[in-house]
Amino acid sequence: MSENEVLKTFDSHYRQIDTATRQAAHTYGFWHETFHCWFYIIKEHELFIYFQKRSATKKDFPNQLDITAAGHLLAEESVTDGFREVKEELGIEITMDQVECLGVFPVEICLKNFIDNEFTNVYLVEQEILLGDFQLQEEEVDSLFSISLASLKKLFNDPSAKMTLTGYRQKNLHQEVVEESFFKQDFCSNAQSYYNRLISSFEKILENQRRTID
């Protein structure tokens, strides 16, 4: 997305007040809307979450693990228009009956020369992603990795912990299976409250699934 594309801006109660460019929103910390879509799968009583590894050429957070598919919502877009990001970044078509809405997570991130105040509209899709099921937007996404919920919690609770993950990399339309090791610092910067709420939501999903089986 161009830094000059226009976003809606909001007050801290999610009431629209104006519009601004993406660059201005991140420079001055204007609240704006984003779309997050997390793919996950439950296998053998364990829940696995898919992360994309951002392209090395990305301006912000290159080579870091991030939401399966995500993006900013333009001023003329509705929240559900954000599903274009899934098709653009992953090449995967989904329908609204596959989607679960987790609600809106307010996120505040303040880094050097970057203030990110977002209302993130968070959605889940329970779908396994296998080699050949996707077509990555290579200028945006380098690869996809899945990580178990238990491993994710361990990484976030212990910054010295390291996990070797298996995933899929795509380059020049060629896809291959890869292994790569990651620490907590390799995950894209986000508010800890966001990850806590996300992990809690996945824990509830897994617990409900276990109860259904029992």
N, C-alpha and C. Protein backbone atom coordinates (compact mmCIF):
# COMPACT_ATOMS: atom_id res chain seq x y z
N MET A 1 0.85 -1.19 0.00
CA MET A 1 0.00 0.00 0.00
C MET A 1 0.88 1.24 0.00
N SER A 2 0.52 2.22 -0.82
CA SER A 2 1.26 3.47 -0.89
C SER A 2 1.09 4.26 0.40
N GLU A 3 2.16 4.96 0.79
CA GLU A 3 2.10 5.81 1.98
C GLU A 3 1.12 6.96 1.78
N ASN A 4 0.75 7.25 0.53
CA ASN A 4 -0.14 8.38 0.24
C ASN A 4 -1.60 7.97 0.14
N GLU A 5 -1.91 6.69 0.26
CA GLU A 5 -3.30 6.27 0.20
C GLU A 5 -4.03 6.74 1.46
N VAL A 6 -5.31 7.02 1.31
CA VAL A 6 -6.07 7.71 2.36
C VAL A 6 -6.84 6.72 3.23
N LEU A 7 -6.74 6.91 4.54
CA LEU A 7 -7.42 6.08 5.53
C LEU A 7 -8.42 6.92 6.32
N LYS A 8 -9.42 6.29 6.88
CA LYS A 8 -10.27 6.95 7.87
C LYS A 8 -9.47 7.12 9.16
N THR A 9 -9.72 8.21 9.86
CA THR A 9 -9.12 8.38 11.19
C THR A 9 -10.24 8.48 12.22
N PHE A 10 -9.90 8.08 13.46
CA PHE A 10 -10.91 7.92 14.50
C PHE A 10 -10.41 8.52 15.81
N ASP A 11 -11.36 8.76 16.73
CA ASP A 11 -10.96 9.09 18.09
C ASP A 11 -10.73 7.77 18.84
N SER A 12 -10.39 7.85 20.10
CA SER A 12 -10.03 6.65 20.86
C SER A 12 -11.23 5.75 21.17
N HIS A 13 -12.45 6.23 20.82
CA HIS A 13 -13.65 5.42 21.02
C HIS A 13 -14.17 4.83 19.71
N TYR A 14 -13.32 4.86 18.67
CA TYR A 14 -13.65 4.28 17.35
C TYR A 14 -14.78 5.05 16.67
N ARG A 15 -14.79 6.36 16.86
CA ARG A 15 -15.73 7.22 16.14
C ARG A 15 -14.95 7.99 15.08
N GLN A 16 -15.40 7.88 13.83
CA GLN A 16 -14.65 8.52 12.76
C GLN A 16 -14.68 10.04 12.91
N ILE A 17 -13.51 10.64 12.70
CA ILE A 17 -13.42 12.10 12.81
C ILE A 17 -12.87 12.76 11.55
N ASP A 18 -12.11 12.00 10.73
CA ASP A 18 -11.50 12.63 9.56
C ASP A 18 -10.88 11.55 8.68
N THR A 19 -10.03 11.99 7.75
CA THR A 19 -9.21 11.09 6.95
C THR A 19 -7.78 11.61 6.95
N ALA A 20 -6.86 10.72 6.61
CA ALA A 20 -5.44 11.11 6.53
C ALA A 20 -4.70 10.07 5.71
N THR A 21 -3.54 10.43 5.22
CA THR A 21 -2.73 9.45 4.51
C THR A 21 -2.17 8.44 5.51
N ARG A 22 -1.77 7.31 5.00
CA ARG A 22 -1.16 6.29 5.85
C ARG A 22 0.11 6.85 6.51
N GLN A 23 0.88 7.60 5.74
CA GLN A 23 2.11 8.17 6.30
C GLN A 23 1.80 9.10 7.47
N ALA A 24 0.79 9.95 7.30
CA ALA A 24 0.42 10.88 8.37
C ALA A 24 -0.10 10.12 9.59
N ALA A 25 -0.87 9.07 9.36
CA ALA A 25 -1.42 8.30 10.47
C ALA A 25 -0.31 7.72 11.33
N HIS A 26 0.76 7.24 10.68
CA HIS A 26 1.87 6.63 11.43
C HIS A 26 2.85 7.68 11.96
N THR A 27 2.83 8.85 11.40
CA THR A 27 3.70 9.92 11.90
C THR A 27 3.13 10.58 13.14
N TYR A 28 1.82 10.83 13.11
CA TYR A 28 1.18 11.57 14.20
C TYR A 28 0.37 10.68 15.15
N GLY A 29 0.29 9.40 14.83
CA GLY A 29 -0.42 8.49 15.72
C GLY A 29 -1.92 8.56 15.63
N PHE A 30 -2.46 8.91 14.46
CA PHE A 30 -3.91 8.94 14.30
C PHE A 30 -4.46 7.50 14.38
N TRP A 31 -5.55 7.34 15.09
CA TRP A 31 -6.23 6.05 15.11
C TRP A 31 -6.81 5.74 13.72
N HIS A 32 -6.61 4.52 13.26
CA HIS A 32 -7.11 4.11 11.94
C HIS A 32 -7.50 2.64 11.98
N GLU A 33 -8.09 2.16 10.91
CA GLU A 33 -8.61 0.79 10.85
C GLU A 33 -7.67 -0.14 10.10
N THR A 34 -7.56 -1.37 10.62
CA THR A 34 -6.85 -2.42 9.90
C THR A 34 -7.68 -3.70 9.91
N PHE A 35 -7.27 -4.63 9.08
CA PHE A 35 -7.94 -5.92 8.92
C PHE A 35 -6.92 -7.03 9.18
N HIS A 36 -7.25 -7.95 10.07
CA HIS A 36 -6.38 -9.09 10.37
C HIS A 36 -7.15 -10.38 10.14
N CYS A 37 -6.56 -11.30 9.39
CA CYS A 37 -7.18 -12.62 9.19
C CYS A 37 -6.16 -13.70 9.54
N TRP A 38 -6.49 -14.47 10.56
CA TRP A 38 -5.62 -15.56 11.02
C TRP A 38 -6.17 -16.90 10.55
N PHE A 39 -5.35 -17.67 9.85
CA PHE A 39 -5.69 -19.05 9.51
C PHE A 39 -5.16 -19.95 10.62
N TYR A 40 -5.93 -20.99 10.92
CA TYR A 40 -5.47 -21.97 11.91
C TYR A 40 -6.05 -23.34 11.57
N ILE A 41 -5.51 -24.37 12.20
CA ILE A 41 -5.99 -25.73 12.01
C ILE A 41 -5.82 -26.48 13.34
N ILE A 42 -6.74 -27.39 13.63
CA ILE A 42 -6.62 -28.25 14.79
C ILE A 42 -6.33 -29.66 14.30
N LYS A 43 -5.19 -30.21 14.75
CA LYS A 43 -4.78 -31.55 14.35
C LYS A 43 -4.26 -32.29 15.58
N GLU A 44 -4.77 -33.50 15.78
CA GLU A 44 -4.32 -34.34 16.89
C GLU A 44 -4.36 -33.58 18.22
N HIS A 45 -5.48 -32.91 18.45
CA HIS A 45 -5.76 -32.20 19.71
C HIS A 45 -4.83 -31.01 19.95
N GLU A 46 -4.18 -30.53 18.92
CA GLU A 46 -3.34 -29.35 19.04
C GLU A 46 -3.74 -28.33 18.00
N LEU A 47 -3.68 -27.06 18.37
CA LEU A 47 -4.05 -25.98 17.46
C LEU A 47 -2.79 -25.35 16.89
N PHE A 48 -2.77 -25.17 15.58
CA PHE A 48 -1.64 -24.58 14.88
C PHE A 48 -2.09 -23.29 14.19
N ILE A 49 -1.29 -22.25 14.32
CA ILE A 49 -1.59 -20.94 13.77
C ILE A 49 -0.62 -20.64 12.64
N TYR A 50 -1.13 -20.09 11.55
CA TYR A 50 -0.28 -19.75 10.40
C TYR A 50 0.19 -18.30 10.47
N PHE A 51 1.48 -18.13 10.34
CA PHE A 51 2.10 -16.81 10.27
C PHE A 51 2.73 -16.65 8.89
N GLN A 52 2.64 -15.45 8.34
CA GLN A 52 3.42 -15.15 7.15
C GLN A 52 4.75 -14.54 7.59
N LYS A 53 5.80 -14.85 6.83
CA LYS A 53 7.07 -14.15 7.02
C LYS A 53 7.13 -13.05 5.98
N ARG A 54 7.25 -11.83 6.45
CA ARG A 54 7.22 -10.68 5.57
C ARG A 54 8.45 -10.66 4.65
N SER A 55 8.24 -10.11 3.48
CA SER A 55 9.32 -10.02 2.50
C SER A 55 10.50 -9.20 3.03
N ALA A 56 11.68 -9.55 2.59
CA ALA A 56 12.89 -8.81 2.98
C ALA A 56 12.88 -7.39 2.44
N THR A 57 12.06 -7.11 1.45
CA THR A 57 12.02 -5.78 0.83
C THR A 57 10.95 -4.87 1.45
N LYS A 58 10.20 -5.36 2.44
CA LYS A 58 9.17 -4.54 3.06
C LYS A 58 9.80 -3.37 3.80
N LYS A 59 9.15 -2.21 3.74
CA LYS A 59 9.64 -1.02 4.42
C LYS A 59 9.57 -1.20 5.93
N ASP A 60 8.46 -1.75 6.42
CA ASP A 60 8.28 -1.95 7.85
C ASP A 60 8.40 -3.43 8.21
N PHE A 61 9.18 -3.73 9.21
CA PHE A 61 9.32 -5.07 9.77
C PHE A 61 9.66 -6.15 8.74
N PRO A 62 10.68 -5.94 7.92
CA PRO A 62 11.07 -6.97 6.94
C PRO A 62 11.53 -8.25 7.64
N ASN A 63 11.26 -9.39 7.01
CA ASN A 63 11.72 -10.71 7.47
C ASN A 63 11.12 -11.14 8.81
N GLN A 64 10.07 -10.47 9.27
CA GLN A 64 9.48 -10.86 10.54
C GLN A 64 8.16 -11.61 10.34
N LEU A 65 7.84 -12.44 11.33
CA LEU A 65 6.59 -13.19 11.28
C LEU A 65 5.42 -12.29 11.64
N ASP A 66 4.33 -12.42 10.89
CA ASP A 66 3.20 -11.51 11.04
C ASP A 66 1.90 -12.27 10.84
N ILE A 67 0.78 -11.56 10.94
CA ILE A 67 -0.55 -12.12 10.74
C ILE A 67 -0.61 -12.86 9.41
N THR A 68 -1.41 -13.93 9.33
CA THR A 68 -1.50 -14.71 8.10
C THR A 68 -1.76 -13.81 6.90
N ALA A 69 -2.74 -12.95 7.01
CA ALA A 69 -3.01 -11.94 5.98
C ALA A 69 -3.61 -10.72 6.66
N ALA A 70 -3.14 -9.55 6.28
CA ALA A 70 -3.60 -8.33 6.96
C ALA A 70 -3.34 -7.12 6.09
N GLY A 71 -3.97 -6.02 6.48
CA GLY A 71 -3.72 -4.78 5.75
C GLY A 71 -4.53 -3.63 6.32
N HIS A 72 -4.25 -2.43 5.82
CA HIS A 72 -4.99 -1.23 6.21
C HIS A 72 -6.27 -1.13 5.39
N LEU A 73 -7.31 -0.60 6.01
CA LEU A 73 -8.56 -0.36 5.31
C LEU A 73 -8.58 1.06 4.78
N LEU A 74 -8.84 1.20 3.49
CA LEU A 74 -8.88 2.52 2.86
C LEU A 74 -10.15 3.27 3.26
N ALA A 75 -10.12 4.56 3.05
CA ALA A 75 -11.22 5.41 3.49
C ALA A 75 -12.56 5.00 2.89
N GLU A 76 -12.55 4.48 1.66
CA GLU A 76 -13.80 4.12 1.00
C GLU A 76 -14.21 2.67 1.25
N GLU A 77 -13.44 1.94 2.05
CA GLU A 77 -13.70 0.52 2.23
C GLU A 77 -14.46 0.23 3.53
N SER A 78 -15.25 -0.85 3.49
CA SER A 78 -15.87 -1.40 4.70
C SER A 78 -14.91 -2.42 5.30
N VAL A 79 -15.23 -2.88 6.49
CA VAL A 79 -14.36 -3.85 7.16
C VAL A 79 -14.23 -5.12 6.34
N THR A 80 -15.34 -5.62 5.80
CA THR A 80 -15.28 -6.89 5.06
C THR A 80 -14.53 -6.76 3.74
N ASP A 81 -14.33 -5.54 3.26
CA ASP A 81 -13.50 -5.35 2.07
C ASP A 81 -12.07 -5.79 2.34
N GLY A 82 -11.71 -5.89 3.63
CA GLY A 82 -10.37 -6.32 3.98
C GLY A 82 -10.04 -7.72 3.52
N PHE A 83 -11.05 -8.52 3.21
CA PHE A 83 -10.77 -9.89 2.77
C PHE A 83 -10.05 -9.92 1.42
N ARG A 84 -9.99 -8.76 0.74
CA ARG A 84 -9.17 -8.70 -0.47
C ARG A 84 -7.72 -9.03 -0.15
N GLU A 85 -7.29 -8.73 1.09
CA GLU A 85 -5.90 -8.99 1.48
C GLU A 85 -5.58 -10.48 1.44
N VAL A 86 -6.55 -11.32 1.79
CA VAL A 86 -6.31 -12.76 1.76
C VAL A 86 -6.04 -13.23 0.34
N LYS A 87 -6.84 -12.75 -0.59
CA LYS A 87 -6.65 -13.11 -1.99
C LYS A 87 -5.35 -12.52 -2.53
N GLU A 88 -5.08 -11.25 -2.22
CA GLU A 88 -3.89 -10.59 -2.76
C GLU A 88 -2.61 -11.19 -2.21
N GLU A 89 -2.54 -11.41 -0.90
CA GLU A 89 -1.29 -11.85 -0.28
C GLU A 89 -1.07 -13.35 -0.38
N LEU A 90 -2.17 -14.13 -0.28
CA LEU A 90 -2.03 -15.59 -0.23
C LEU A 90 -2.56 -16.29 -1.47
N GLY A 91 -3.36 -15.61 -2.27
CA GLY A 91 -3.96 -16.26 -3.43
C GLY A 91 -5.01 -17.29 -3.05
N ILE A 92 -5.61 -17.13 -1.87
CA ILE A 92 -6.61 -18.08 -1.39
C ILE A 92 -7.98 -17.42 -1.37
N GLU A 93 -8.96 -18.11 -1.96
CA GLU A 93 -10.34 -17.63 -1.95
C GLU A 93 -11.05 -18.20 -0.72
N ILE A 94 -11.71 -17.33 0.03
CA ILE A 94 -12.52 -17.81 1.14
C ILE A 94 -13.91 -17.20 1.03
N THR A 95 -14.87 -17.86 1.68
CA THR A 95 -16.24 -17.36 1.69
C THR A 95 -16.60 -16.94 3.11
N MET A 96 -17.59 -16.08 3.25
CA MET A 96 -17.92 -15.53 4.55
C MET A 96 -18.43 -16.59 5.53
N ASP A 97 -18.95 -17.72 5.02
CA ASP A 97 -19.40 -18.75 5.94
C ASP A 97 -18.23 -19.51 6.57
N GLN A 98 -17.00 -19.28 6.10
CA GLN A 98 -15.82 -19.88 6.71
C GLN A 98 -15.25 -19.03 7.84
N VAL A 99 -15.76 -17.83 7.99
CA VAL A 99 -15.10 -16.81 8.80
C VAL A 99 -15.74 -16.69 10.17
N GLU A 100 -14.90 -16.53 11.19
CA GLU A 100 -15.36 -16.19 12.53
C GLU A 100 -14.77 -14.84 12.91
N CYS A 101 -15.61 -13.93 13.36
CA CYS A 101 -15.16 -12.61 13.76
C CYS A 101 -14.86 -12.59 15.26
N LEU A 102 -13.65 -12.17 15.62
CA LEU A 102 -13.27 -12.05 17.03
C LEU A 102 -13.56 -10.68 17.60
N GLY A 103 -13.88 -9.72 16.73
CA GLY A 103 -14.16 -8.37 17.19
C GLY A 103 -13.03 -7.41 16.87
N VAL A 104 -13.04 -6.29 17.55
CA VAL A 104 -12.07 -5.22 17.30
C VAL A 104 -11.08 -5.17 18.47
N PHE A 105 -9.79 -5.27 18.14
CA PHE A 105 -8.74 -5.20 19.15
C PHE A 105 -8.03 -3.85 19.00
N PRO A 106 -8.13 -2.94 19.96
CA PRO A 106 -7.33 -1.71 19.88
C PRO A 106 -5.85 -2.04 20.13
N VAL A 107 -4.99 -1.48 19.31
CA VAL A 107 -3.55 -1.73 19.42
C VAL A 107 -2.82 -0.40 19.39
N GLU A 108 -1.89 -0.22 20.34
CA GLU A 108 -1.06 0.98 20.40
C GLU A 108 0.41 0.57 20.39
N ILE A 109 1.13 1.00 19.37
CA ILE A 109 2.56 0.70 19.24
C ILE A 109 3.30 2.01 19.01
N CYS A 110 4.31 2.25 19.80
CA CYS A 110 5.11 3.47 19.64
C CYS A 110 6.57 3.09 19.51
N LEU A 111 7.10 3.24 18.30
CA LEU A 111 8.49 2.95 18.01
C LEU A 111 9.15 4.22 17.48
N LYS A 112 10.43 4.18 17.29
CA LYS A 112 11.14 5.33 16.75
C LYS A 112 10.62 5.65 15.35
N ASN A 113 10.15 6.88 15.16
CA ASN A 113 9.62 7.35 13.87
C ASN A 113 8.42 6.56 13.38
N PHE A 114 7.70 5.90 14.32
CA PHE A 114 6.56 5.08 13.89
C PHE A 114 5.59 4.96 15.06
N ILE A 115 4.42 5.61 14.95
CA ILE A 115 3.38 5.53 15.96
C ILE A 115 2.17 4.87 15.32
N ASP A 116 1.80 3.71 15.83
CA ASP A 116 0.74 2.93 15.19
C ASP A 116 -0.40 2.71 16.17
N ASN A 117 -1.47 3.47 15.99
CA ASN A 117 -2.69 3.30 16.79
C ASN A 117 -3.77 2.73 15.87
N GLU A 118 -4.09 1.47 16.07
CA GLU A 118 -4.99 0.77 15.17
C GLU A 118 -6.21 0.22 15.89
N PHE A 119 -7.34 0.25 15.19
CA PHE A 119 -8.47 -0.59 15.54
C PHE A 119 -8.41 -1.78 14.59
N THR A 120 -7.96 -2.91 15.11
CA THR A 120 -7.77 -4.09 14.27
C THR A 120 -9.03 -4.95 14.29
N ASN A 121 -9.62 -5.14 13.13
CA ASN A 121 -10.78 -6.00 12.98
C ASN A 121 -10.28 -7.42 12.71
N VAL A 122 -10.46 -8.30 13.69
CA VAL A 122 -9.80 -9.59 13.69
C VAL A 122 -10.76 -10.71 13.30
N TYR A 123 -10.34 -11.53 12.34
CA TYR A 123 -11.12 -12.66 11.85
C TYR A 123 -10.28 -13.93 11.87
N LEU A 124 -10.97 -15.05 12.02
CA LEU A 124 -10.33 -16.36 12.00
C LEU A 124 -10.90 -17.20 10.87
N VAL A 125 -10.04 -18.03 10.27
CA VAL A 125 -10.46 -19.00 9.27
C VAL A 125 -9.81 -20.34 9.63
N GLU A 126 -10.63 -21.33 9.90
CA GLU A 126 -10.10 -22.67 10.19
C GLU A 126 -9.90 -23.40 8.87
N GLN A 127 -8.68 -23.41 8.40
CA GLN A 127 -8.37 -24.03 7.11
C GLN A 127 -6.88 -24.39 7.06
N GLU A 128 -6.60 -25.61 6.71
CA GLU A 128 -5.21 -26.02 6.55
C GLU A 128 -4.66 -25.46 5.25
N ILE A 129 -3.42 -25.03 5.27
CA ILE A 129 -2.75 -24.53 4.08
C ILE A 129 -1.62 -25.49 3.74
N LEU A 130 -1.72 -26.12 2.59
CA LEU A 130 -0.74 -27.10 2.14
C LEU A 130 0.03 -26.56 0.94
N LEU A 131 1.16 -27.19 0.67
CA LEU A 131 1.97 -26.80 -0.47
C LEU A 131 1.11 -26.85 -1.74
N GLY A 132 1.09 -25.76 -2.48
CA GLY A 132 0.31 -25.68 -3.71
C GLY A 132 -1.08 -25.10 -3.52
N ASP A 133 -1.50 -24.92 -2.27
CA ASP A 133 -2.83 -24.36 -2.00
C ASP A 133 -2.85 -22.84 -2.11
N PHE A 134 -1.69 -22.22 -2.21
CA PHE A 134 -1.58 -20.77 -2.13
C PHE A 134 -0.74 -20.24 -3.28
N GLN A 135 -0.79 -18.94 -3.47
CA GLN A 135 0.07 -18.24 -4.42
C GLN A 135 0.45 -16.93 -3.77
N LEU A 136 1.65 -16.87 -3.23
CA LEU A 136 2.05 -15.72 -2.43
C LEU A 136 2.33 -14.49 -3.29
N GLN A 137 1.99 -13.34 -2.75
CA GLN A 137 2.36 -12.05 -3.35
C GLN A 137 3.80 -11.78 -2.91
N GLU A 138 4.77 -12.13 -3.75
CA GLU A 138 6.15 -12.25 -3.32
C GLU A 138 6.77 -10.94 -2.86
N GLU A 139 6.30 -9.81 -3.37
CA GLU A 139 6.84 -8.54 -2.91
C GLU A 139 6.38 -8.22 -1.48
N GLU A 140 5.34 -8.94 -1.02
CA GLU A 140 4.82 -8.73 0.33
C GLU A 140 5.18 -9.88 1.27
N VAL A 141 5.11 -11.10 0.77
CA VAL A 141 5.21 -12.30 1.62
C VAL A 141 6.31 -13.21 1.10
N ASP A 142 7.21 -13.59 2.00
CA ASP A 142 8.30 -14.51 1.64
C ASP A 142 7.89 -15.96 1.82
N SER A 143 7.16 -16.26 2.90
CA SER A 143 6.88 -17.66 3.23
C SER A 143 5.75 -17.74 4.26
N LEU A 144 5.29 -18.96 4.50
CA LEU A 144 4.26 -19.24 5.50
C LEU A 144 4.78 -20.30 6.45
N PHE A 145 4.54 -20.09 7.75
CA PHE A 145 4.93 -21.06 8.77
C PHE A 145 3.76 -21.29 9.71
N SER A 146 3.61 -22.52 10.16
CA SER A 146 2.62 -22.80 11.19
C SER A 146 3.33 -23.10 12.50
N ILE A 147 2.74 -22.67 13.60
CA ILE A 147 3.31 -22.89 14.92
C ILE A 147 2.20 -23.31 15.86
N SER A 148 2.48 -24.30 16.70
CA SER A 148 1.46 -24.75 17.65
C SER A 148 1.20 -23.66 18.68
N LEU A 149 -0.01 -23.66 19.20
CA LEU A 149 -0.37 -22.69 20.21
C LEU A 149 0.54 -22.82 21.43
N ALA A 150 0.85 -24.05 21.83
CA ALA A 150 1.73 -24.28 22.97
C ALA A 150 3.11 -23.70 22.73
N SER A 151 3.64 -23.87 21.53
CA SER A 151 4.97 -23.34 21.21
C SER A 151 4.96 -21.82 21.17
N LEU A 152 3.89 -21.24 20.64
CA LEU A 152 3.78 -19.79 20.59
C LEU A 152 3.78 -19.21 22.00
N LYS A 153 3.04 -19.82 22.90
CA LYS A 153 3.00 -19.35 24.29
C LYS A 153 4.38 -19.45 24.93
N LYS A 154 5.08 -20.54 24.64
CA LYS A 154 6.42 -20.70 25.21
C LYS A 154 7.37 -19.63 24.71
N LEU A 155 7.32 -19.35 23.41
CA LEU A 155 8.18 -18.31 22.84
C LEU A 155 7.90 -16.95 23.46
N PHE A 156 6.63 -16.61 23.61
CA PHE A 156 6.28 -15.30 24.13
C PHE A 156 6.59 -15.16 25.62
N ASN A 157 6.60 -16.29 26.32
CA ASN A 157 6.91 -16.24 27.76
C ASN A 157 8.40 -16.30 28.05
N ASP A 158 9.19 -16.72 27.07
CA ASP A 158 10.64 -16.87 27.28
C ASP A 158 11.37 -16.32 26.06
N PRO A 159 11.81 -15.06 26.11
CA PRO A 159 12.48 -14.45 24.96
C PRO A 159 13.75 -15.18 24.51
N SER A 160 14.32 -16.02 25.37
CA SER A 160 15.52 -16.77 24.98
C SER A 160 15.19 -18.08 24.28
N ALA A 161 13.91 -18.47 24.30
CA ALA A 161 13.51 -19.73 23.67
C ALA A 161 13.62 -19.63 22.15
N LYS A 162 13.94 -20.75 21.52
CA LYS A 162 14.05 -20.81 20.06
C LYS A 162 13.21 -21.98 19.56
N MET A 163 12.48 -21.76 18.46
CA MET A 163 11.66 -22.80 17.86
C MET A 163 12.04 -22.97 16.40
N THR A 164 12.19 -24.20 15.97
CA THR A 164 12.41 -24.49 14.56
C THR A 164 11.07 -24.87 13.94
N LEU A 165 10.64 -24.09 12.98
CA LEU A 165 9.33 -24.28 12.36
C LEU A 165 9.48 -24.77 10.93
N THR A 166 8.52 -25.56 10.50
CA THR A 166 8.46 -26.02 9.12
C THR A 166 7.43 -25.17 8.38
N GLY A 167 7.79 -24.74 7.19
CA GLY A 167 6.89 -23.90 6.42
C GLY A 167 7.10 -24.03 4.93
N TYR A 168 6.51 -23.11 4.20
CA TYR A 168 6.57 -23.10 2.74
C TYR A 168 7.10 -21.76 2.26
N ARG A 169 8.12 -21.80 1.46
CA ARG A 169 8.68 -20.58 0.87
C ARG A 169 8.36 -20.56 -0.61
N GLN A 170 8.15 -19.34 -1.13
CA GLN A 170 7.90 -19.17 -2.56
C GLN A 170 8.84 -18.11 -3.11
N LYS A 171 9.51 -18.43 -4.21
CA LYS A 171 10.37 -17.47 -4.91
C LYS A 171 10.27 -17.72 -6.40
N ASN A 172 9.98 -16.66 -7.14
CA ASN A 172 9.79 -16.77 -8.59
C ASN A 172 8.78 -17.87 -8.92
N LEU A 173 7.70 -17.89 -8.13
CA LEU A 173 6.58 -18.81 -8.27
C LEU A 173 6.91 -20.25 -7.90
N HIS A 174 8.15 -20.53 -7.53
CA HIS A 174 8.54 -21.87 -7.10
C HIS A 174 8.33 -22.01 -5.60
N GLN A 175 7.64 -23.07 -5.19
CA GLN A 175 7.35 -23.30 -3.79
C GLN A 175 8.12 -24.51 -3.27
N GLU A 176 8.60 -24.40 -2.02
CA GLU A 176 9.34 -25.50 -1.42
C GLU A 176 9.12 -25.52 0.08
N VAL A 177 9.35 -26.70 0.67
CA VAL A 177 9.28 -26.85 2.11
C VAL A 177 10.60 -26.39 2.72
N VAL A 178 10.51 -25.61 3.79
CA VAL A 178 11.72 -25.10 4.44
C VAL A 178 11.59 -25.24 5.95
N GLU A 179 12.72 -25.19 6.63
CA GLU A 179 12.76 -25.12 8.08
C GLU A 179 13.55 -23.90 8.48
N GLU A 180 13.08 -23.21 9.51
CA GLU A 180 13.77 -22.00 9.96
C GLU A 180 13.53 -21.83 11.45
N SER A 181 14.52 -21.32 12.16
CA SER A 181 14.41 -21.13 13.60
C SER A 181 14.06 -19.68 13.92
N PHE A 182 13.23 -19.51 14.95
CA PHE A 182 12.76 -18.18 15.31
C PHE A 182 12.80 -17.99 16.83
N PHE A 183 13.01 -16.73 17.24
CA PHE A 183 12.88 -16.30 18.61
C PHE A 183 11.68 -15.35 18.69
N LYS A 184 11.32 -14.96 19.91
CA LYS A 184 10.23 -14.00 20.09
C LYS A 184 10.50 -12.71 19.32
N GLN A 185 11.75 -12.28 19.27
CA GLN A 185 12.11 -11.03 18.59
C GLN A 185 11.87 -11.09 17.08
N ASP A 186 11.64 -12.29 16.54
CA ASP A 186 11.40 -12.44 15.11
C ASP A 186 9.94 -12.26 14.75
N PHE A 187 9.09 -12.05 15.74
CA PHE A 187 7.68 -11.80 15.47
C PHE A 187 7.46 -10.30 15.34
N CYS A 188 6.60 -9.93 14.42
CA CYS A 188 6.34 -8.52 14.14
C CYS A 188 5.87 -7.81 15.40
N SER A 189 6.38 -6.60 15.60
CA SER A 189 6.00 -5.83 16.79
C SER A 189 4.49 -5.67 16.86
N ASN A 190 3.95 -5.98 18.01
CA ASN A 190 2.53 -5.77 18.26
C ASN A 190 2.35 -5.62 19.76
N ALA A 191 1.27 -5.04 20.16
CA ALA A 191 1.02 -4.86 21.58
C ALA A 191 0.86 -6.23 22.24
N GLN A 192 1.46 -6.40 23.41
CA GLN A 192 1.34 -7.69 24.10
C GLN A 192 -0.11 -7.99 24.43
N SER A 193 -0.90 -6.94 24.69
CA SER A 193 -2.32 -7.14 24.97
C SER A 193 -3.04 -7.77 23.79
N TYR A 194 -2.60 -7.42 22.57
CA TYR A 194 -3.19 -8.01 21.37
C TYR A 194 -2.92 -9.51 21.34
N TYR A 195 -1.66 -9.89 21.50
CA TYR A 195 -1.30 -11.30 21.47
C TYR A 195 -1.97 -12.06 22.62
N ASN A 196 -2.05 -11.44 23.79
CA ASN A 196 -2.70 -12.11 24.92
C ASN A 196 -4.16 -12.42 24.60
N ARG A 197 -4.84 -11.45 24.01
CA ARG A 197 -6.25 -11.65 23.68
C ARG A 197 -6.41 -12.70 22.57
N LEU A 198 -5.51 -12.66 21.60
CA LEU A 198 -5.57 -13.63 20.51
C LEU A 198 -5.32 -15.04 21.04
N ILE A 199 -4.29 -15.20 21.86
CA ILE A 199 -3.97 -16.52 22.42
C ILE A 199 -5.13 -17.03 23.27
N SER A 200 -5.73 -16.14 24.06
CA SER A 200 -6.87 -16.54 24.88
C SER A 200 -8.03 -17.03 24.01
N SER A 201 -8.25 -16.37 22.89
CA SER A 201 -9.32 -16.79 21.97
C SER A 201 -9.04 -18.16 21.40
N PHE A 202 -7.79 -18.42 21.02
CA PHE A 202 -7.43 -19.73 20.48
C PHE A 202 -7.53 -20.81 21.57
N GLU A 203 -7.17 -20.48 22.79
CA GLU A 203 -7.29 -21.44 23.89
C GLU A 203 -8.75 -21.86 24.08
N LYS A 204 -9.66 -20.92 23.98
CA LYS A 204 -11.08 -21.23 24.13
C LYS A 204 -11.57 -22.12 23.00
N ILE A 205 -11.11 -21.85 21.78
CA ILE A 205 -11.49 -22.67 20.63
C ILE A 205 -11.00 -24.10 20.83
N LEU A 206 -9.77 -24.25 21.26
CA LEU A 206 -9.20 -25.58 21.47
C LEU A 206 -9.92 -26.31 22.59
N GLU A 207 -10.22 -25.62 23.67
CA GLU A 207 -10.92 -26.24 24.78
C GLU A 207 -12.32 -26.68 24.37
N ASN A 208 -13.02 -25.86 23.60
CA ASN A 208 -14.35 -26.24 23.11
C ASN A 208 -14.29 -27.47 22.23
N GLN A 209 -13.24 -27.54 21.40
CA GLN A 209 -13.09 -28.70 20.52
C GLN A 209 -12.84 -29.97 21.34
N ARG A 210 -12.03 -29.86 22.38
CA ARG A 210 -11.74 -31.01 23.24
C ARG A 210 -12.99 -31.46 23.97
N ARG A 211 -13.80 -30.52 24.43
CA ARG A 211 -15.04 -30.86 25.12
C ARG A 211 -16.00 -31.58 24.19
N THR A 212 -16.05 -31.14 22.94
CA THR A 212 -16.93 -31.78 21.95
C THR A 212 -16.52 -33.22 21.72
N ILE A 213 -15.21 -33.47 21.64
CA ILE A 213 -14.71 -34.82 21.42
C ILE A 213 -14.99 -35.70 22.63
N ASP A 214 -14.77 -35.15 23.84
CA ASP A 214 -15.00 -35.91 25.06
C ASP A 214 -16.47 -36.22 25.26
